[in-house]
Structure formats: C-alpha cells, structure tokens
C-alpha atoms as a PDB file:
ATOM      1  CA  UNK A   1      80.065  72.308  85.200  1.00  0.00           C
ATOM      2  CA  UNK A   2      82.223  69.650  86.526  1.00  0.00           C
ATOM      3  CA  UNK A   3      82.118  67.865  89.895  1.00  0.00           C
ATOM      4  CA  UNK A   4      84.542  68.581  92.612  1.00  0.00           C
ATOM      5  CA  UNK A   5      87.652  66.331  92.529  1.00  0.00           C
ATOM      6  CA  UNK A   6      90.658  65.903  94.741  1.00  0.00           C
ATOM      7  CA  UNK A   7      94.092  66.989  93.468  1.00  0.00           C
ATOM      8  CA  UNK A   8      96.140  70.205  93.018  1.00  0.00           C
ATOM      9  CA  UNK A   9      95.189  73.343  91.212  1.00  0.00           C
ATOM     10  CA  UNK A  10      98.006  75.295  89.376  1.00  0.00           C
ATOM     11  CA  UNK A  11      99.111  77.137  86.447  1.00  0.00           C
ATOM     12  CA  UNK A  12      99.038  75.168  82.971  1.00  0.00           C
ATOM     13  CA  UNK A  13     100.907  77.938  81.063  1.00  0.00           C
ATOM     14  CA  UNK A  14     101.889  81.544  81.117  1.00  0.00           C
ATOM     15  CA  UNK A  15     102.346  83.648  78.243  1.00  0.00           C
ATOM     16  CA  UNK A  16     103.400  87.514  77.892  1.00  0.00           C
ATOM     17  CA  UNK A  17     103.502  89.847  75.135  1.00  0.00           C
ATOM     18  CA  UNK A  18     104.268  93.450  74.367  1.00  0.00           C
ATOM     19  CA  UNK A  19     103.784  95.851  71.575  1.00  0.00           C
ATOM     20  CA  UNK A  20     106.568  96.127  68.699  1.00  0.00           C
ATOM     21  CA  UNK A  21     106.695  99.741  69.001  1.00  0.00           C
ATOM     22  CA  UNK A  22     109.404 101.154  71.256  1.00  0.00           C
ATOM     23  CA  UNK A  23     109.642 104.707  72.839  1.00  0.00           C
ATOM     24  CA  UNK A  24     113.122 105.675  73.579  1.00  0.00           C
ATOM     25  CA  UNK A  25     114.248 108.565  75.716  1.00  0.00           C
ATOM     26  CA  UNK A  26     116.389 109.984  72.663  1.00  0.00           C
ATOM     27  CA  UNK A  27     112.977 109.995  71.003  1.00  0.00           C
ATOM     28  CA  UNK A  28     111.261 111.815  73.928  1.00  0.00           C
ATOM     29  CA  UNK A  29     114.328 114.310  74.360  1.00  0.00           C
ATOM     30  CA  UNK A  30     113.709 115.170  70.556  1.00  0.00           C
ATOM     31  CA  UNK A  31     110.122 115.491  70.546  1.00  0.00           C
ATOM     32  CA  UNK A  32     109.664 117.463  73.897  1.00  0.00           C
ATOM     33  CA  UNK A  33     113.123 119.351  74.890  1.00  0.00           C
ATOM     34  CA  UNK A  34     111.613 121.914  77.037  1.00  0.00           C
ATOM     35  CA  UNK A  35     109.690 119.392  79.082  1.00  0.00           C
ATOM     36  CA  UNK A  36     112.801 117.171  79.589  1.00  0.00           C
ATOM     37  CA  UNK A  37     114.795 119.931  80.488  1.00  0.00           C
ATOM     38  CA  UNK A  38     112.241 120.929  83.247  1.00  0.00           C
ATOM     39  CA  UNK A  39     111.668 117.577  84.482  1.00  0.00           C
ATOM     40  CA  UNK A  40     114.441 117.587  86.988  1.00  0.00           C
ATOM     41  CA  UNK A  41     112.843 120.326  88.919  1.00  0.00           C
ATOM     42  CA  UNK A  42     109.540 118.423  88.692  1.00  0.00           C
ATOM     43  CA  UNK A  43     107.101 117.504  91.406  1.00  0.00           C
ATOM     44  CA  UNK A  44     108.441 114.284  92.269  1.00  0.00           C
ATOM     45  CA  UNK A  45     111.997 115.564  92.578  1.00  0.00           C
ATOM     46  CA  UNK A  46     110.885 118.283  94.869  1.00  0.00           C
ATOM     47  CA  UNK A  47     108.855 116.028  97.133  1.00  0.00           C
ATOM     48  CA  UNK A  48     111.647 113.341  97.330  1.00  0.00           C
ATOM     49  CA  UNK A  49     114.605 115.773  97.758  1.00  0.00           C
ATOM     50  CA  UNK A  50     115.905 115.868 101.099  1.00  0.00           C
ATOM     51  CA  UNK A  51     117.939 118.863 101.131  1.00  0.00           C
ATOM     52  CA  UNK A  52     115.331 120.301 103.650  1.00  0.00           C
ATOM     53  CA  UNK A  53     116.633 117.809 106.063  1.00  0.00           C
ATOM     54  CA  UNK A  54     113.617 115.327 105.853  1.00  0.00           C
ATOM     55  CA  UNK A  55     114.963 111.841 106.604  1.00  0.00           C
ATOM     56  CA  UNK A  56     114.033 109.005 104.281  1.00  0.00           C
ATOM     57  CA  UNK A  57     110.732 107.369 105.536  1.00  0.00           C
ATOM     58  CA  UNK A  58     110.410 104.357 103.289  1.00  0.00           C
ATOM     59  CA  UNK A  59     112.346 101.539 101.544  1.00  0.00           C
ATOM     60  CA  UNK A  60     110.849 103.432  98.172  1.00  0.00           C
ATOM     61  CA  UNK A  61     112.296 106.690  99.032  1.00  0.00           C
ATOM     62  CA  UNK A  62     115.699 104.989  99.454  1.00  0.00           C
ATOM     63  CA  UNK A  63     115.292 102.916  96.241  1.00  0.00           C
ATOM     64  CA  UNK A  64     114.072 105.869  94.163  1.00  0.00           C
ATOM     65  CA  UNK A  65     116.774 108.391  95.221  1.00  0.00           C
ATOM     66  CA  UNK A  66     119.536 107.336  92.792  1.00  0.00           C
ATOM     67  CA  UNK A  67     117.310 108.218  89.998  1.00  0.00           C
ATOM     68  CA  UNK A  68     116.102 111.666  90.865  1.00  0.00           C
ATOM     69  CA  UNK A  69     118.726 113.387  88.715  1.00  0.00           C
ATOM     70  CA  UNK A  70     117.593 111.264  85.841  1.00  0.00           C
ATOM     71  CA  UNK A  71     114.557 112.911  84.164  1.00  0.00           C
ATOM     72  CA  UNK A  72     113.263 109.319  83.135  1.00  0.00           C
ATOM     73  CA  UNK A  73     114.070 107.859  86.539  1.00  0.00           C
ATOM     74  CA  UNK A  74     116.067 104.868  85.385  1.00  0.00           C
ATOM     75  CA  UNK A  75     113.829 103.832  82.585  1.00  0.00           C
ATOM     76  CA  UNK A  76     115.696 103.300  79.229  1.00  0.00           C
ATOM     77  CA  UNK A  77     112.629 102.509  76.864  1.00  0.00           C
ATOM     78  CA  UNK A  78     108.998 101.678  77.207  1.00  0.00           C
ATOM     79  CA  UNK A  79     106.787  99.549  74.835  1.00  0.00           C
ATOM     80  CA  UNK A  80     103.482 101.402  73.737  1.00  0.00           C
ATOM     81  CA  UNK A  81     100.742 100.471  71.530  1.00  0.00           C
ATOM     82  CA  UNK A  82     101.027 101.732  67.940  1.00  0.00           C
ATOM     83  CA  UNK A  83      98.030 103.669  66.008  1.00  0.00           C
ATOM     84  CA  UNK A  84      95.435 101.198  65.581  1.00  0.00           C
ATOM     85  CA  UNK A  85      96.570  98.731  68.068  1.00  0.00           C
ATOM     86  CA  UNK A  86      94.672  98.076  71.382  1.00  0.00           C
ATOM     87  CA  UNK A  87      94.512  96.251  74.913  1.00  0.00           C
ATOM     88  CA  UNK A  88      92.222  93.643  73.157  1.00  0.00           C
ATOM     89  CA  UNK A  89      94.873  92.823  70.838  1.00  0.00           C
ATOM     90  CA  UNK A  90      97.551  92.171  73.499  1.00  0.00           C
ATOM     91  CA  UNK A  91      95.171  89.861  75.383  1.00  0.00           C
ATOM     92  CA  UNK A  92      94.162  87.952  72.386  1.00  0.00           C
ATOM     93  CA  UNK A  93      97.849  87.381  71.412  1.00  0.00           C
ATOM     94  CA  UNK A  94      98.740  86.379  74.771  1.00  0.00           C
ATOM     95  CA  UNK A  95      95.566  84.285  75.045  1.00  0.00           C
ATOM     96  CA  UNK A  96      96.467  82.159  71.958  1.00  0.00           C
ATOM     97  CA  UNK A  97     100.019  81.461  73.204  1.00  0.00           C
ATOM     98  CA  UNK A  98      98.653  80.475  76.608  1.00  0.00           C
ATOM     99  CA  UNK A  99      96.235  77.995  75.263  1.00  0.00           C
ATOM    100  CA  UNK A 100      99.044  76.399  72.874  1.00  0.00           C
ATOM    101  CA  UNK A 101     101.174  76.259  75.662  1.00  0.00           C
ATOM    102  CA  UNK A 102      98.676  74.519  77.984  1.00  0.00           C
ATOM    103  CA  UNK A 103      97.706  72.125  74.820  1.00  0.00           C
ATOM    104  CA  UNK A 104      94.162  73.468  74.686  1.00  0.00           C
ATOM    105  CA  UNK A 105      91.662  74.202  72.208  1.00  0.00           C
ATOM    106  CA  UNK A 106      89.082  77.121  72.665  1.00  0.00           C
ATOM    107  CA  UNK A 107      86.427  74.551  73.233  1.00  0.00           C
ATOM    108  CA  UNK A 108      88.251  73.321  76.379  1.00  0.00           C
ATOM    109  CA  UNK A 109      88.249  76.739  78.014  1.00  0.00           C
ATOM    110  CA  UNK A 110      85.113  77.000  80.559  1.00  0.00           C
ATOM    111  CA  UNK A 111      85.753  80.538  81.842  1.00  0.00           C
ATOM    112  CA  UNK A 112      87.540  83.671  80.642  1.00  0.00           C
ATOM    113  CA  UNK A 113      88.446  86.176  83.024  1.00  0.00           C
ATOM    114  CA  UNK A 114      89.753  89.264  81.402  1.00  0.00           C
ATOM    115  CA  UNK A 115      91.863  91.945  83.497  1.00  0.00           C
ATOM    116  CA  UNK A 116      92.301  95.107  81.348  1.00  0.00           C
ATOM    117  CA  UNK A 117      93.740  98.296  83.035  1.00  0.00           C
ATOM    118  CA  UNK A 118      92.455 100.140  81.298  1.00  0.00           C
ATOM    119  CA  UNK A 119      90.196  98.291  79.086  1.00  0.00           C
ATOM    120  CA  UNK A 120      89.683  99.499  75.455  1.00  0.00           C
ATOM    121  CA  UNK A 121      85.979  99.684  76.194  1.00  0.00           C
ATOM    122  CA  UNK A 122      85.745 101.501  79.609  1.00  0.00           C
ATOM    123  CA  UNK A 123      82.492 100.588  81.171  1.00  0.00           C
ATOM    124  CA  UNK A 124      82.031  97.433  79.090  1.00  0.00           C
ATOM    125  CA  UNK A 125      85.428  95.853  79.272  1.00  0.00           C
ATOM    126  CA  UNK A 126      87.436  93.788  77.184  1.00  0.00           C
ATOM    127  CA  UNK A 127      86.147  90.211  78.116  1.00  0.00           C
ATOM    128  CA  UNK A 128      83.467  89.484  75.378  1.00  0.00           C
ATOM    129  CA  UNK A 129      85.725  90.940  72.641  1.00  0.00           C
ATOM    130  CA  UNK A 130      88.636  88.704  73.655  1.00  0.00           C
ATOM    131  CA  UNK A 131      86.247  85.717  74.021  1.00  0.00           C
ATOM    132  CA  UNK A 132      84.869  86.347  70.581  1.00  0.00           C
ATOM    133  CA  UNK A 133      88.539  86.692  68.926  1.00  0.00           C
ATOM    134  CA  UNK A 134      89.642  83.623  70.578  1.00  0.00           C
ATOM    135  CA  UNK A 135      86.471  81.587  69.719  1.00  0.00           C
ATOM    136  CA  UNK A 136      85.922  80.683  73.257  1.00  0.00           C
ATOM    137  CA  UNK A 137      82.453  78.925  73.796  1.00  0.00           C
ATOM    138  CA  UNK A 138      82.394  79.199  77.943  1.00  0.00           C
ATOM    139  CA  UNK A 139      81.542  82.351  80.086  1.00  0.00           C
ATOM    140  CA  UNK A 140      83.464  85.538  80.038  1.00  0.00           C
ATOM    141  CA  UNK A 141      83.729  88.218  82.446  1.00  0.00           C
ATOM    142  CA  UNK A 142      85.949  91.336  83.552  1.00  0.00           C
ATOM    143  CA  UNK A 143      87.733  91.661  86.807  1.00  0.00           C
ATOM    144  CA  UNK A 144      89.527  94.873  87.605  1.00  0.00           C
ATOM    145  CA  UNK A 145      91.213  95.719  90.831  1.00  0.00           C
ATOM    146  CA  UNK A 146      93.898  97.987  89.545  1.00  0.00           C
ATOM    147  CA  UNK A 147      97.420  96.775  90.015  1.00  0.00           C
ATOM    148  CA  UNK A 148      96.124  93.689  91.945  1.00  0.00           C
ATOM    149  CA  UNK A 149      93.941  92.496  89.196  1.00  0.00           C
ATOM    150  CA  UNK A 150      96.139  89.557  87.779  1.00  0.00           C
ATOM    151  CA  UNK A 151      96.566  88.254  91.483  1.00  0.00           C
ATOM    152  CA  UNK A 152      92.907  88.670  92.105  1.00  0.00           C
ATOM    153  CA  UNK A 153      92.019  86.890  88.877  1.00  0.00           C
ATOM    154  CA  UNK A 154      94.233  84.066  89.873  1.00  0.00           C
ATOM    155  CA  UNK A 155      92.660  83.472  93.074  1.00  0.00           C
ATOM    156  CA  UNK A 156      89.453  83.523  91.360  1.00  0.00           C
ATOM    157  CA  UNK A 157      90.260  81.195  88.688  1.00  0.00           C
ATOM    158  CA  UNK A 158      91.815  78.808  91.353  1.00  0.00           C
ATOM    159  CA  UNK A 159      88.620  79.097  93.318  1.00  0.00           C
ATOM    160  CA  UNK A 160      86.553  77.860  90.248  1.00  0.00           C
ATOM    161  CA  UNK A 161      88.588  75.141  89.290  1.00  0.00           C
ATOM    162  CA  UNK A 162      89.042  73.870  93.201  1.00  0.00           C
ATOM    163  CA  UNK A 163      85.111  74.133  93.775  1.00  0.00           C
ATOM    164  CA  UNK A 164      84.638  71.950  90.433  1.00  0.00           C
ATOM    165  CA  UNK A 165      82.813  74.668  88.666  1.00  0.00           C
ATOM    166  CA  UNK A 166      85.509  74.758  85.717  1.00  0.00           C
ATOM    167  CA  UNK A 167      88.335  72.599  84.321  1.00  0.00           C
ATOM    168  CA  UNK A 168      90.127  75.158  82.536  1.00  0.00           C
ATOM    169  CA  UNK A 169      90.068  78.933  83.210  1.00  0.00           C
ATOM    170  CA  UNK A 170      91.961  81.371  80.849  1.00  0.00           C
ATOM    171  CA  UNK A 171      92.972  84.707  82.530  1.00  0.00           C
ATOM    172  CA  UNK A 172      94.029  87.370  80.115  1.00  0.00           C
ATOM    173  CA  UNK A 173      95.723  90.414  81.226  1.00  0.00           C
ATOM    174  CA  UNK A 174      96.614  94.049  79.680  1.00  0.00           C
ATOM    175  CA  UNK A 175      97.993  97.359  80.767  1.00  0.00           C
ATOM    176  CA  UNK A 176      97.598 100.084  78.128  1.00  0.00           C
ATOM    177  CA  UNK A 177      98.679 103.180  80.121  1.00  0.00           C
ATOM    178  CA  UNK A 178      99.779 105.049  77.054  1.00  0.00           C
ATOM    179  CA  UNK A 179      96.187 105.492  75.641  1.00  0.00           C
ATOM    180  CA  UNK A 180      95.498 107.487  78.897  1.00  0.00           C
ATOM    181  CA  UNK A 181      98.752 109.416  79.536  1.00  0.00           C
ATOM    182  CA  UNK A 182      99.918 112.124  77.039  1.00  0.00           C
ATOM    183  CA  UNK A 183     103.251 111.485  75.580  1.00  0.00           C
ATOM    184  CA  UNK A 184     104.356 114.974  76.746  1.00  0.00           C
ATOM    185  CA  UNK A 185     103.307 114.566  80.211  1.00  0.00           C
ATOM    186  CA  UNK A 186     106.294 113.251  82.554  1.00  0.00           C
ATOM    187  CA  UNK A 187     103.999 110.732  84.113  1.00  0.00           C
ATOM    188  CA  UNK A 188     104.006 108.892  80.700  1.00  0.00           C
ATOM    189  CA  UNK A 189     107.836 108.527  80.959  1.00  0.00           C
ATOM    190  CA  UNK A 190     107.310 105.953  83.612  1.00  0.00           C
ATOM    191  CA  UNK A 191     104.518 103.935  81.930  1.00  0.00           C
ATOM    192  CA  UNK A 192     104.321 101.365  79.031  1.00  0.00           C
ATOM    193  CA  UNK A 193     102.189  98.819  77.704  1.00  0.00           C
ATOM    194  CA  UNK A 194     101.955  95.001  77.969  1.00  0.00           C
ATOM    195  CA  UNK A 195      99.801  91.798  78.130  1.00  0.00           C
ATOM    196  CA  UNK A 196      99.938  88.365  79.344  1.00  0.00           C
ATOM    197  CA  UNK A 197      97.658  85.330  80.039  1.00  0.00           C
ATOM    198  CA  UNK A 198      97.583  82.157  81.843  1.00  0.00           C
ATOM    199  CA  UNK A 199      95.577  79.056  82.055  1.00  0.00           C
ATOM    200  CA  UNK A 200      94.515  77.690  85.388  1.00  0.00           C
ATOM    201  CA  UNK A 201      93.435  73.897  85.813  1.00  0.00           C
ATOM    202  CA  UNK A 202      94.256  70.594  87.464  1.00  0.00           C
ATOM    203  CA  UNK A 203      97.813  69.932  87.842  1.00  0.00           C
ATOM    204  CA  UNK A 204      99.357  66.514  88.934  1.00  0.00           C
END
C-alpha cells in the first residue's frame, strides 16, 4: 500500500483489441437466407414502425428509423471470437499492450480490475485468469455493471490511486456477445466481440 499523495490521477495508457474473425452480412445471408428474408417483418420493425400514427417519442426512435428497412440495421460487419478464443484472450492481449504503452512491468501493477461481459467463466469471472496470464503479483477482482462496467471500473481505479491504496491499476475489459447469442438469431446481427484495457495512475 502506498501513502496518499497530492497530484492528478488519470489514464497512463489505453489499448483496444478485436478478434481477427469477421462475420459479414453476405455470410449471414448465405447461411440463413430465410431468417434474413423474414427480418424486415421482425419485432423491432413492427414496434418502431409509425404507420399506426404513433409519433416518435425519443431521439433513439428518430436515429434508428432510417435503418429499419435494413435487416442488419446498418451494421456492415462484426468481429466475433473464433472457435477456441475466449474473452480472457482479448483482455490479456489488450492488457499487454496497455502495460507496454504505459512503460510498466507486471510487477508494477498493484491492482487488476477485470470487466468481462459476459465473462468466460460465469460466476468466477476472468480476473484471476487474466492476472495469471499477465504475470501480475498484485490483487485482482471482477467488477460487472453491464454496459457501465468500464466507466465504473475507471471510477474505482481512480479512487484507489487517489486514496493512496495503489500506484497503478490495470483495468481489462471484454465483451463476448457472440458466445451467448446464436448466429441465426437476428439479435446477434447487432452484436460483436471486443476487448480493451487501460492503466490508471498518477499523472503530472
């Protein structure tokens, strides 16, 4: 544990990663032609269609309206994990880059916060696996608040550094929707996988 010091706290580095595998609209059309053909009449289209005179009620409605005729809702391609790849892999890859960009060694990290949505090991989370793969010697825990996870982790990491509990906190983030949404489910056409990491520490 370190002593509390004056000065600013901020990001020392930021890294993002995505799987190499790309799932395109043409691929989905080829594999699921009937599903694609029915998509325009899907639930989202019906709910947001104002032919019944319903007025637009939100900025979201107005922004989405131009894409309703497109069964993919404007998405051209999505990155997805290949067989054998996991959300842990994405967090580890991003974590390595974040440490390198920050000029830090694994021993310099006092705390790891893993934000996996959803984690590879549901219930256990990714933190201990990411920490082991990166060779970290400090503490590690999971933090999950759905879409707000990365921002919540940033606030938590900032508080730890500002309070003098840590000098450097590494936050790793992953999203692996493709593992939990079937390819032939139109919901999956909106979703992709990706990861990121950032280091929080003292800044000038």
